[in-house]
Amino acid sequence: MDIKSRLDLIKQVGEEIVTEEGLKTLLETKKHPIAYDGFEPSGINIHIAQGLLRAVNINKMTNAGCKFKMLVADWHAWANNKMSGNLEHIQKVGKYLIEVWKACDMDLKKVEFVWVSDQVTDDNYWKLVMQIARNSTVKRIMRCSQIMGRNESEALQASQIIYPCMQCADIFYLNADITQLGMDQRKVNVLAREIGPTLGFWKPVVVSHHMIMGLNLPPKTDSAVERAIEMKMSKSNPDSAIFMTDSGEEIKRKIKKAYCPEGIVEENPILEYCKYIIFEKFKTIKIERPEKFGGNVEFDSYEELEKAFSQKKLHPMDLKQSTADYLNESISPVRKKLEKSKTAQRLAEEIKTFKITR
């Protein structure tokens, strides 16, 4: 694959790339740059974006030639008081998530899972954390609190002040050339770019992927980060998201009541699911509807579908019905694989008994 093709593939993942020129240079000088993403194990309800979409994005990165490292941020979740601060429970959730990605057809031959609980046994890791902390102000670290699904006005525990320093250190400890995380992680990735050269490191290229919004009425904000935090909090409101273990009936129920005003494209979660999930899995989308309403219609691209919806040639209820069907078709094979996996089933049953905390 030539440089342009590799660059175009990564651009499909990145809603924002800092910087595109830096990425191009990296691909020209390094055949297999190291990219990383991290996840905080925090519950059994795995959002469809965390499952299916993450697998799609990582497969694109590895197909573009990246060597991918997935960081299991168990200590970060511990610092953030997830699962009532029970590290053993957090780690079992992490193992369950890996089983979910196996079922989502993530190309695990090209992905290395790295546990933070292994990193913390290395004095060099803590030296890096201390270097980050010594070269950052408390105010600057506080501004990074959004990476934890928090905001600056919250009363943070001392462990949550350490968290951004650890996440910034992770980048250099993993030798990551590319940070491929969500838009909600942007602030700490920019911190790494600013502080890296000061500490004798490099400026990592930041490839920030889109964050799927919740199914409910969108929050009154223009901030992509605020919407991302809303999505992170969706586990406290199960009806605001589609989860990997939802039944076909549950998916239909949630989609039916989702926010989807006629003709409105902006801040429309149903269209987001079509763009970022369904059209990644299917080449065309068929909308079934009665003849008196124009009969069935087929779309070969998201752009075609969006145009028809904006012109009110496609009713929200017809779109919702087909969206629910395609989502169920996407998730169904994953559900079946998880049901057949003894490891996944054992972990799922254990996790159900755990106390989940925000």
Protein backbone atom coordinates (compact mmCIF):
# COMPACT_ATOMS: atom_id res chain seq x y z
CA MET A 1 0.00 0.00 0.00
CA ASP A 2 1.42 3.39 -0.98
CA ILE A 3 1.70 6.36 1.39
CA LYS A 4 -1.42 8.09 0.05
CA SER A 5 -3.56 4.97 0.50
CA ARG A 6 -2.27 4.45 4.05
CA LEU A 7 -2.89 8.11 4.85
CA ASP A 8 -6.42 7.99 3.43
CA LEU A 9 -7.23 4.91 5.49
CA ILE A 10 -6.10 6.56 8.72
CA LYS A 11 -8.03 9.72 7.80
CA GLN A 12 -11.18 7.59 7.76
CA VAL A 13 -10.55 6.96 11.45
CA GLY A 14 -9.51 10.45 12.54
CA GLU A 15 -12.19 13.11 12.93
CA GLU A 16 -9.24 15.34 13.82
CA ILE A 17 -5.55 14.70 13.09
CA VAL A 18 -2.82 16.75 14.77
CA THR A 19 -1.10 17.15 12.46
CA GLU A 20 -1.88 15.65 9.05
CA GLU A 21 1.50 16.76 7.74
CA GLY A 22 3.17 15.10 10.71
CA LEU A 23 1.29 11.88 9.99
CA LYS A 24 2.38 11.96 6.35
CA THR A 25 6.01 12.42 7.37
CA LEU A 26 5.72 9.60 9.90
CA LEU A 27 4.35 7.19 7.27
CA GLU A 28 7.12 8.19 4.87
CA THR A 29 9.85 7.51 7.42
CA LYS A 30 8.44 4.53 9.34
CA LYS A 31 6.90 1.47 7.69
CA HIS A 32 5.20 0.23 10.87
CA PRO A 33 4.62 3.13 13.28
CA ILE A 34 3.31 2.24 16.70
CA ALA A 35 -0.27 3.38 17.37
CA TYR A 36 -2.04 2.97 20.68
CA ASP A 37 -5.47 3.22 22.22
CA GLY A 38 -6.44 2.59 25.81
CA PHE A 39 -9.60 1.61 27.61
CA GLU A 40 -10.76 1.88 31.16
CA PRO A 41 -12.60 -1.33 32.20
CA SER A 42 -15.71 -0.08 33.97
CA GLY A 43 -18.73 -2.37 33.47
CA ILE A 44 -20.43 -5.14 31.52
CA ASN A 45 -22.52 -2.79 29.34
CA ILE A 46 -20.24 -2.44 26.32
CA HIS A 47 -21.37 0.40 24.06
CA ILE A 48 -21.64 -0.55 20.37
CA ALA A 49 -19.04 2.13 19.58
CA GLN A 50 -16.67 0.60 22.14
CA GLY A 51 -17.21 -2.82 20.60
CA LEU A 52 -17.96 -2.81 16.87
CA LEU A 53 -16.70 0.66 15.96
CA ARG A 54 -13.46 0.27 17.89
CA ALA A 55 -12.77 -2.98 16.04
CA VAL A 56 -13.45 -1.24 12.70
CA ASN A 57 -11.11 1.65 13.53
CA ILE A 58 -8.27 -0.51 14.82
CA ASN A 59 -8.49 -2.81 11.81
CA LYS A 60 -8.15 0.25 9.57
CA MET A 61 -5.08 1.38 11.51
CA THR A 62 -3.42 -2.03 11.28
CA ASN A 63 -4.32 -2.34 7.59
CA ALA A 64 -2.55 0.99 7.11
CA GLY A 65 0.60 -0.66 8.45
CA CYS A 66 0.46 0.41 12.09
CA LYS A 67 1.63 -1.86 14.86
CA PHE A 68 -1.18 -1.46 17.39
CA LYS A 69 -0.93 -1.54 21.17
CA MET A 70 -4.15 -1.66 23.17
CA LEU A 71 -3.59 -0.48 26.72
CA VAL A 72 -5.78 -2.13 29.36
CA ALA A 73 -5.93 0.81 31.77
CA ASP A 74 -6.80 -1.18 34.89
CA TRP A 75 -4.81 1.07 37.23
CA HIS A 76 -6.34 4.15 35.60
CA ALA A 77 -9.83 2.76 36.28
CA TRP A 78 -8.72 2.03 39.85
CA ALA A 79 -7.50 5.62 40.25
CA ASN A 80 -10.81 6.82 38.80
CA ASN A 81 -12.78 4.80 41.39
CA LYS A 82 -14.46 2.54 38.83
CA MET A 83 -16.05 -0.71 40.07
CA SER A 84 -15.97 0.76 43.61
CA GLY A 85 -12.18 0.84 43.37
CA ASN A 86 -11.91 -2.96 43.31
CA LEU A 87 -8.85 -3.68 41.15
CA GLU A 88 -9.61 -7.41 40.82
CA HIS A 89 -13.10 -6.64 39.49
CA ILE A 90 -11.70 -4.04 37.10
CA GLN A 91 -9.25 -6.58 35.68
CA LYS A 92 -12.01 -9.15 35.09
CA VAL A 93 -13.98 -6.52 33.17
CA GLY A 94 -10.84 -5.90 31.09
CA LYS A 95 -10.60 -9.60 30.25
CA TYR A 96 -14.29 -9.62 29.27
CA LEU A 97 -13.77 -6.66 26.93
CA ILE A 98 -11.01 -8.54 25.14
CA GLU A 99 -13.45 -11.43 24.61
CA VAL A 100 -15.95 -8.95 23.12
CA TRP A 101 -13.36 -7.67 20.64
CA LYS A 102 -12.51 -11.23 19.63
CA ALA A 103 -16.20 -11.67 18.82
CA CYS A 104 -16.21 -8.36 16.89
CA ASP A 105 -13.53 -9.70 14.51
CA MET A 106 -10.84 -7.29 15.61
CA ASP A 107 -7.66 -8.58 13.95
CA LEU A 108 -5.95 -9.57 17.19
CA LYS A 109 -2.93 -10.98 15.33
CA LYS A 110 -1.94 -7.36 14.74
CA VAL A 111 -2.87 -6.05 18.20
CA GLU A 112 -0.82 -6.35 21.38
CA PHE A 113 -2.70 -5.98 24.67
CA VAL A 114 -0.64 -4.27 27.37
CA TRP A 115 -1.82 -4.17 30.98
CA VAL A 116 -0.97 -1.12 33.07
CA SER A 117 -0.68 -3.45 36.07
CA ASP A 118 2.43 -4.84 34.34
CA GLN A 119 3.83 -1.39 33.56
CA VAL A 120 3.63 -0.18 37.16
CA THR A 121 6.14 -2.81 38.30
CA ASP A 122 8.81 -0.94 36.29
CA ASP A 123 10.57 1.94 38.07
CA ASN A 124 11.12 3.59 34.69
CA TYR A 125 7.37 3.96 34.26
CA TRP A 126 7.02 5.90 37.51
CA LYS A 127 10.04 7.98 36.58
CA LEU A 128 8.16 9.01 33.43
CA VAL A 129 5.03 9.82 35.44
CA MET A 130 7.11 11.99 37.77
CA GLN A 131 8.73 13.78 34.82
CA ILE A 132 5.29 14.60 33.43
CA ALA A 133 4.09 15.82 36.83
CA ARG A 134 7.19 17.95 37.46
CA ASN A 135 6.78 19.70 34.14
CA SER A 136 3.04 20.37 34.47
CA THR A 137 1.01 22.70 36.65
CA VAL A 138 -1.89 21.44 38.76
CA LYS A 139 -4.17 23.76 36.77
CA ARG A 140 -3.07 22.20 33.48
CA ILE A 141 -3.59 18.68 34.81
CA MET A 142 -7.03 19.66 36.11
CA ARG A 143 -7.97 20.82 32.62
CA CYS A 144 -7.32 17.24 31.46
CA SER A 145 -9.97 15.84 33.84
CA GLN A 146 -12.36 15.35 30.90
CA ILE A 147 -10.33 12.30 29.86
CA MET A 148 -11.78 10.54 32.92
CA GLY A 149 -15.37 11.52 32.10
CA ARG A 150 -15.15 14.25 34.74
CA ASN A 151 -15.24 18.03 34.62
CA GLU A 152 -13.07 20.65 36.29
CA SER A 153 -15.81 21.64 38.76
CA GLU A 154 -15.98 18.18 40.33
CA ALA A 155 -14.21 17.46 43.61
CA LEU A 156 -11.52 15.07 42.43
CA GLN A 157 -9.72 12.49 44.54
CA ALA A 158 -5.92 12.77 44.70
CA SER A 159 -5.66 9.59 42.60
CA GLN A 160 -7.56 11.35 39.83
CA ILE A 161 -4.92 14.06 39.71
CA ILE A 162 -2.28 11.38 39.04
CA TYR A 163 -4.38 9.83 36.24
CA PRO A 164 -3.58 12.36 33.46
CA CYS A 165 0.12 12.19 34.34
CA MET A 166 -0.02 8.40 33.96
CA GLN A 167 -1.90 8.58 30.66
CA CYS A 168 0.59 11.07 29.26
CA ALA A 169 3.46 8.83 30.42
CA ASP A 170 1.81 5.80 28.78
CA ILE A 171 2.40 7.33 25.35
CA PHE A 172 6.15 7.52 25.75
CA TYR A 173 6.47 4.29 27.74
CA LEU A 174 4.76 2.43 24.88
CA ASN A 175 6.90 4.26 22.29
CA ALA A 176 3.65 5.31 20.60
CA ASP A 177 4.10 7.37 17.44
CA ILE A 178 0.31 7.77 17.12
CA THR A 179 -2.29 8.24 19.84
CA GLN A 180 -5.53 6.86 18.38
CA LEU A 181 -8.12 7.70 21.00
CA GLY A 182 -11.48 9.47 21.13
CA MET A 183 -12.04 13.21 20.87
CA ASP A 184 -12.62 13.25 24.64
CA GLN A 185 -8.94 12.34 25.15
CA ARG A 186 -7.65 15.24 23.07
CA LYS A 187 -6.37 17.42 25.94
CA VAL A 188 -3.93 14.88 27.36
CA ASN A 189 -2.68 13.99 23.87
CA VAL A 190 -1.99 17.67 23.18
CA LEU A 191 -0.20 17.84 26.55
CA ALA A 192 2.02 14.97 25.37
CA ARG A 193 2.83 16.85 22.16
CA GLU A 194 3.78 19.96 24.13
CA ILE A 195 5.75 18.27 26.89
CA GLY A 196 7.42 15.51 24.81
CA PRO A 197 10.29 17.53 23.30
CA THR A 198 10.98 19.16 26.69
CA LEU A 199 11.63 15.70 28.15
CA GLY A 200 13.70 14.51 25.21
CA PHE A 201 10.85 12.64 23.51
CA TRP A 202 8.86 13.22 20.32
CA LYS A 203 5.57 14.86 19.39
CA PRO A 204 3.07 12.02 18.93
CA VAL A 205 0.61 12.35 16.07
CA VAL A 206 -2.92 12.62 17.48
CA VAL A 207 -5.60 10.74 15.52
CA SER A 208 -8.85 11.42 17.39
CA HIS A 209 -11.85 9.34 16.38
CA HIS A 210 -15.46 10.50 16.46
CA MET A 211 -17.54 9.85 19.57
CA ILE A 212 -21.03 8.49 18.87
CA MET A 213 -23.64 10.62 20.64
CA GLY A 214 -26.32 9.26 22.95
CA LEU A 215 -29.78 8.33 21.68
CA ASN A 216 -31.59 10.91 23.78
CA LEU A 217 -32.10 14.63 23.17
CA PRO A 218 -28.55 16.01 22.74
CA PRO A 219 -27.11 18.24 25.49
CA LYS A 220 -27.20 21.97 24.92
CA THR A 221 -23.55 22.33 24.00
CA ASP A 222 -21.46 22.79 20.88
CA SER A 223 -18.59 20.92 22.49
CA ALA A 224 -17.69 17.54 21.00
CA VAL A 225 -15.96 16.75 24.29
CA GLU A 226 -19.11 17.40 26.34
CA ARG A 227 -21.05 15.09 24.04
CA ALA A 228 -18.31 12.50 24.44
CA ILE A 229 -18.62 12.70 28.22
CA GLU A 230 -22.38 12.21 27.88
CA MET A 231 -21.69 9.02 25.93
CA LYS A 232 -19.25 7.84 28.60
CA MET A 233 -21.97 8.32 31.20
CA SER A 234 -24.53 6.34 29.16
CA LYS A 235 -24.10 3.27 31.37
CA SER A 236 -26.08 5.10 34.04
CA ASN A 237 -28.93 5.50 31.52
CA PRO A 238 -29.12 2.26 29.49
CA ASP A 239 -31.77 3.68 27.13
CA SER A 240 -29.29 6.28 25.85
CA ALA A 241 -27.10 3.73 24.04
CA ILE A 242 -27.05 0.42 22.19
CA PHE A 243 -24.96 -2.21 23.96
CA MET A 244 -23.26 -5.27 22.49
CA THR A 245 -25.46 -7.69 24.45
CA ASP A 246 -28.79 -5.97 23.70
CA SER A 247 -31.44 -8.27 22.22
CA GLY A 248 -33.17 -7.49 18.94
CA GLU A 249 -36.25 -6.39 20.89
CA GLU A 250 -34.19 -4.08 23.11
CA ILE A 251 -32.52 -2.50 20.09
CA LYS A 252 -35.89 -1.84 18.43
CA ARG A 253 -37.32 -0.36 21.61
CA LYS A 254 -34.37 2.00 22.15
CA ILE A 255 -34.19 3.10 18.53
CA LYS A 256 -37.96 3.66 18.35
CA LYS A 257 -37.85 6.19 21.21
CA ALA A 258 -34.56 7.82 20.13
CA TYR A 259 -34.27 11.48 19.20
CA CYS A 260 -34.66 11.83 15.42
CA PRO A 261 -36.52 15.00 14.32
CA GLU A 262 -37.81 14.94 10.75
CA GLY A 263 -35.47 16.58 8.24
CA ILE A 264 -32.87 17.53 10.88
CA VAL A 265 -29.40 16.21 10.18
CA GLU A 266 -27.37 17.95 12.89
CA GLU A 267 -27.16 16.24 16.28
CA ASN A 268 -29.21 13.29 15.01
CA PRO A 269 -28.11 10.05 16.75
CA ILE A 270 -29.93 7.76 14.28
CA LEU A 271 -28.02 9.26 11.36
CA GLU A 272 -24.79 8.92 13.38
CA TYR A 273 -25.42 5.20 13.83
CA CYS A 274 -26.02 4.91 10.08
CA LYS A 275 -22.85 6.82 9.19
CA TYR A 276 -20.37 5.39 11.66
CA ILE A 277 -21.70 1.88 12.27
CA ILE A 278 -24.05 0.62 9.57
CA PHE A 279 -22.31 1.92 6.45
CA GLU A 280 -19.06 0.52 7.84
CA LYS A 281 -20.63 -2.94 7.86
CA PHE A 282 -22.94 -2.80 4.81
CA LYS A 283 -22.40 -1.43 1.30
CA THR A 284 -26.05 -0.45 0.89
CA ILE A 285 -29.00 0.24 3.17
CA LYS A 286 -32.52 -0.75 2.18
CA ILE A 287 -35.40 1.13 3.77
CA GLU A 288 -38.63 -0.82 3.69
CA ARG A 289 -41.86 1.16 3.60
CA PRO A 290 -45.44 0.81 2.24
CA GLU A 291 -46.13 1.63 -1.42
CA LYS A 292 -48.38 4.53 -0.42
CA PHE A 293 -45.32 6.18 1.13
CA GLY A 294 -43.10 5.59 -1.92
CA GLY A 295 -42.22 1.95 -1.47
CA ASN A 296 -38.83 0.51 -0.62
CA VAL A 297 -35.76 2.62 -1.29
CA GLU A 298 -32.06 1.71 -1.31
CA PHE A 299 -29.05 3.93 -0.57
CA ASP A 300 -25.52 3.22 -1.78
CA SER A 301 -23.85 5.76 0.52
CA TYR A 302 -24.45 7.68 3.70
CA GLU A 303 -24.41 10.94 1.75
CA GLU A 304 -27.39 9.76 -0.33
CA LEU A 305 -29.30 8.76 2.79
CA GLU A 306 -28.56 12.04 4.57
CA LYS A 307 -29.69 14.08 1.55
CA ALA A 308 -33.00 12.20 1.31
CA PHE A 309 -33.60 12.62 5.04
CA SER A 310 -32.80 16.36 5.00
CA GLN A 311 -35.24 16.83 2.11
CA LYS A 312 -37.91 14.98 4.13
CA LYS A 313 -38.13 12.24 1.51
CA LEU A 314 -37.44 9.73 4.27
CA HIS A 315 -39.60 9.58 7.39
CA PRO A 316 -37.88 9.13 10.78
CA MET A 317 -39.97 6.05 11.66
CA ASP A 318 -39.02 4.28 8.43
CA LEU A 319 -35.36 5.13 9.02
CA LYS A 320 -35.54 3.97 12.63
CA GLN A 321 -37.07 0.61 11.70
CA SER A 322 -34.31 -0.16 9.20
CA THR A 323 -31.60 1.19 11.51
CA ALA A 324 -32.74 -1.16 14.27
CA ASP A 325 -32.76 -4.11 11.85
CA TYR A 326 -29.23 -3.39 10.58
CA LEU A 327 -27.88 -2.82 14.08
CA ASN A 328 -29.34 -6.12 15.22
CA GLU A 329 -27.86 -7.84 12.16
CA SER A 330 -24.46 -6.35 13.07
CA ILE A 331 -24.61 -7.32 16.73
CA SER A 332 -26.28 -10.73 16.36
CA PRO A 333 -23.10 -12.63 15.32
CA VAL A 334 -21.24 -11.08 18.26
CA ARG A 335 -23.96 -12.12 20.71
CA LYS A 336 -23.84 -15.69 19.38
CA LYS A 337 -20.04 -15.88 19.68
CA LEU A 338 -20.15 -14.55 23.23
CA GLU A 339 -22.88 -17.07 24.14
CA LYS A 340 -20.72 -19.92 22.82
CA SER A 341 -17.58 -18.72 24.60
CA LYS A 342 -17.26 -20.37 28.00
CA THR A 343 -14.69 -17.76 29.03
CA ALA A 344 -16.94 -14.85 28.04
CA GLN A 345 -19.96 -16.39 29.76
CA ARG A 346 -18.04 -17.08 32.98
CA LEU A 347 -16.70 -13.52 33.10
CA ALA A 348 -20.10 -12.03 32.23
CA GLU A 349 -21.79 -13.90 35.07
CA GLU A 350 -19.13 -12.77 37.55
CA ILE A 351 -19.27 -9.15 36.42
CA LYS A 352 -23.05 -9.02 36.85
CA THR A 353 -22.49 -9.35 40.62
CA PHE A 354 -20.00 -6.46 40.78
CA LYS A 355 -20.91 -2.99 41.96
CA ILE A 356 -20.50 -0.49 39.12
CA THR A 357 -19.63 3.10 39.99
CA ARG A 358 -19.25 6.15 37.79
